[in-house]
Amino acid sequence: MQEITEDITRQSPDSFGLVLSKSGQVVAHSDRAELGRNYLDETGTLGAVLADKLYHDSGRQFVVSFHGQKDMVYAERIEGDWQSLSLINTEVFYRPLKIVLALLVLLTLLEAVIFISVIYTQSAKSLAITSAKEAQSANRAKRARAQSLPSPFR
């Protein structure tokens, strides 16, 4: 079980995995220095936070914050009463989504600028056409008045 935990973690360097017994003892961990520790007996450690969330909140998926870092935790019951936990840094986990969101915001802003430009251009053209028509009408009216005057006044 220890080798499997280490292999899985090697594939994803920003995460780690562990297996806890029902009593909170570390049975397998991607960091061998953690083996044998009892997270339920500890306070102020990441292990203590994990054990508290796992055994008292009984969620299968949760986020833990420790020393300014947030980790997404996935827990699954395995053989007997053991729990397998996988942790991944939320910054790493959400990075692709943040990039996509930023691109979508930029595209939306670009579309808004293009839309406003098109509306402005259409309004300017419409105003120019209206002004030209009014000028033509005014010229026609002037000519019509001039032609309606008796010849010596033309």
Protein backbone atom coordinates (compact mmCIF):
# COMPACT_ATOMS: atom_id res chain seq x y z
CA MET A 1 0.00 0.00 0.00
CA GLN A 2 2.91 2.36 0.77
CA GLU A 3 4.38 1.88 -2.72
CA ILE A 4 1.03 2.56 -4.39
CA THR A 5 0.62 5.78 -2.37
CA GLU A 6 4.11 6.95 -3.32
CA ASP A 7 3.61 6.06 -7.01
CA ILE A 8 0.35 7.97 -7.26
CA THR A 9 1.91 11.04 -5.65
CA ARG A 10 4.98 10.90 -7.93
CA GLN A 11 2.65 11.34 -10.91
CA SER A 12 1.20 14.53 -9.44
CA PRO A 13 3.88 16.46 -7.52
CA ASP A 14 1.48 19.09 -6.13
CA SER A 15 -0.56 16.48 -4.29
CA PHE A 16 -0.10 13.78 -1.73
CA GLY A 17 -1.92 10.72 -0.53
CA LEU A 18 -2.28 8.78 2.67
CA VAL A 19 -4.18 5.97 4.32
CA LEU A 20 -5.51 6.33 7.87
CA SER A 21 -6.78 3.63 10.18
CA LYS A 22 -10.00 4.10 12.14
CA SER A 23 -7.91 5.15 15.14
CA GLY A 24 -6.23 7.94 13.10
CA GLN A 25 -2.89 6.18 12.65
CA VAL A 26 -1.05 6.75 9.36
CA VAL A 27 -0.83 3.36 7.61
CA ALA A 28 0.60 4.67 4.33
CA HIS A 29 1.73 8.14 3.29
CA SER A 30 3.49 9.69 0.32
CA ASP A 31 5.95 11.14 2.86
CA ARG A 32 7.48 8.17 4.71
CA ALA A 33 8.29 10.40 7.71
CA GLU A 34 4.53 10.50 8.48
CA LEU A 35 4.17 6.70 8.82
CA GLY A 36 2.95 5.54 12.24
CA ARG A 37 1.84 8.98 13.45
CA ASN A 38 -1.61 9.25 14.97
CA TYR A 39 -3.37 12.33 13.61
CA LEU A 40 -6.22 12.09 16.12
CA ASP A 41 -3.71 12.55 18.97
CA GLU A 42 -2.12 15.64 17.38
CA THR A 43 -3.03 19.31 17.47
CA GLY A 44 -1.90 22.13 15.24
CA THR A 45 -0.75 19.95 12.34
CA LEU A 46 -2.16 19.35 8.90
CA GLY A 47 -2.72 15.74 9.92
CA ALA A 48 -4.81 16.84 12.90
CA VAL A 49 -6.92 19.09 10.66
CA LEU A 50 -7.42 16.23 8.19
CA ALA A 51 -8.40 13.74 10.88
CA ASP A 52 -10.79 16.20 12.49
CA LYS A 53 -12.56 16.92 9.19
CA LEU A 54 -12.59 13.28 8.15
CA TYR A 55 -13.84 11.73 11.39
CA HIS A 56 -16.07 14.50 12.71
CA ASP A 57 -17.60 16.05 9.58
CA SER A 58 -17.80 12.69 7.76
CA GLY A 59 -17.59 14.26 4.31
CA ARG A 60 -16.10 12.46 1.34
CA GLN A 61 -14.84 15.65 -0.28
CA PHE A 62 -13.77 18.79 1.55
CA VAL A 63 -11.28 21.63 1.59
CA VAL A 64 -8.75 22.12 4.37
CA SER A 65 -6.75 25.29 5.02
CA PHE A 66 -3.43 25.06 6.76
CA HIS A 67 -0.73 27.74 6.94
CA GLY A 68 -2.32 29.76 4.12
CA GLN A 69 -2.57 26.84 1.71
CA LYS A 70 -5.86 25.28 0.74
CA ASP A 71 -6.05 21.64 -0.28
CA MET A 72 -8.94 19.79 -1.86
CA VAL A 73 -9.35 16.44 -0.10
CA TYR A 74 -11.00 13.33 -1.50
CA ALA A 75 -11.62 10.54 1.00
CA GLU A 76 -12.68 6.99 0.26
CA ARG A 77 -13.27 4.09 2.64
CA ILE A 78 -11.12 1.11 1.77
CA GLU A 79 -10.33 -2.27 3.33
CA GLY A 80 -12.03 -2.53 6.71
CA ASP A 81 -12.24 0.83 8.42
CA TRP A 82 -9.28 2.42 6.68
CA GLN A 83 -9.64 5.71 4.81
CA SER A 84 -7.69 6.63 1.69
CA LEU A 85 -7.15 10.38 1.31
CA SER A 86 -5.89 12.28 -1.71
CA LEU A 87 -4.97 15.94 -1.35
CA ILE A 88 -4.26 18.45 -4.10
CA ASN A 89 -3.37 22.10 -3.73
CA THR A 90 -6.44 24.11 -4.81
CA GLU A 91 -4.21 26.67 -6.55
CA VAL A 92 -2.96 23.91 -8.83
CA PHE A 93 -6.38 22.26 -9.03
CA TYR A 94 -8.19 25.43 -10.15
CA ARG A 95 -5.39 26.97 -12.28
CA PRO A 96 -6.76 25.68 -15.64
CA LEU A 97 -10.24 26.92 -14.74
CA LYS A 98 -8.88 30.34 -13.79
CA ILE A 99 -7.09 30.59 -17.14
CA VAL A 100 -10.25 29.68 -19.04
CA LEU A 101 -12.26 32.18 -16.98
CA ALA A 102 -9.74 34.96 -17.67
CA LEU A 103 -9.87 34.19 -21.41
CA LEU A 104 -13.66 34.22 -21.37
CA VAL A 105 -13.69 37.59 -19.62
CA LEU A 106 -11.25 39.01 -22.19
CA LEU A 107 -13.31 37.64 -25.08
CA THR A 108 -16.49 39.08 -23.58
CA LEU A 109 -14.86 42.50 -23.21
CA LEU A 110 -13.59 42.32 -26.80
CA GLU A 111 -17.08 41.40 -28.04
CA ALA A 112 -18.55 44.33 -26.09
CA VAL A 113 -16.04 46.75 -27.64
CA ILE A 114 -16.79 45.42 -31.13
CA PHE A 115 -20.54 45.63 -30.53
CA ILE A 116 -20.31 49.21 -29.27
CA SER A 117 -18.10 50.14 -32.24
CA VAL A 118 -20.60 48.66 -34.70
CA ILE A 119 -23.51 50.47 -33.03
CA TYR A 120 -21.54 53.75 -33.00
CA THR A 121 -20.56 53.36 -36.67
CA GLN A 122 -24.15 52.57 -37.67
CA SER A 123 -25.43 55.56 -35.69
CA ALA A 124 -22.85 57.85 -37.29
CA LYS A 125 -23.79 56.62 -40.79
CA SER A 126 -27.48 57.05 -40.05
CA LEU A 127 -26.87 60.58 -38.76
CA ALA A 128 -24.79 61.45 -41.83
CA ILE A 129 -27.50 60.12 -44.17
CA THR A 130 -30.20 62.05 -42.29
CA SER A 131 -28.12 65.25 -42.43
CA ALA A 132 -27.50 64.82 -46.17
CA LYS A 133 -31.20 64.27 -46.82
CA GLU A 134 -32.10 67.37 -44.80
CA ALA A 135 -29.51 69.40 -46.73
CA GLN A 136 -30.94 68.14 -50.04
CA SER A 137 -34.47 69.00 -48.92
CA ALA A 138 -33.34 72.49 -47.89
CA ASN A 139 -31.65 73.02 -51.28
CA ARG A 140 -34.75 71.85 -53.14
CA ALA A 141 -36.92 74.19 -51.07
CA LYS A 142 -34.56 77.11 -51.86
CA ARG A 143 -34.67 76.33 -55.57
CA ALA A 144 -38.42 75.96 -55.52
CA ARG A 145 -38.81 79.34 -53.78
CA ALA A 146 -36.35 80.91 -56.15
CA GLN A 147 -38.26 79.59 -59.16
CA SER A 148 -41.57 80.71 -57.74
CA LEU A 149 -40.33 84.31 -57.52
CA PRO A 150 -41.05 86.60 -60.48
CA SER A 151 -38.17 86.71 -62.99
CA PRO A 152 -36.69 90.11 -62.04
CA PHE A 153 -36.12 88.82 -58.45
CA ARG A 154 -34.29 85.69 -59.45
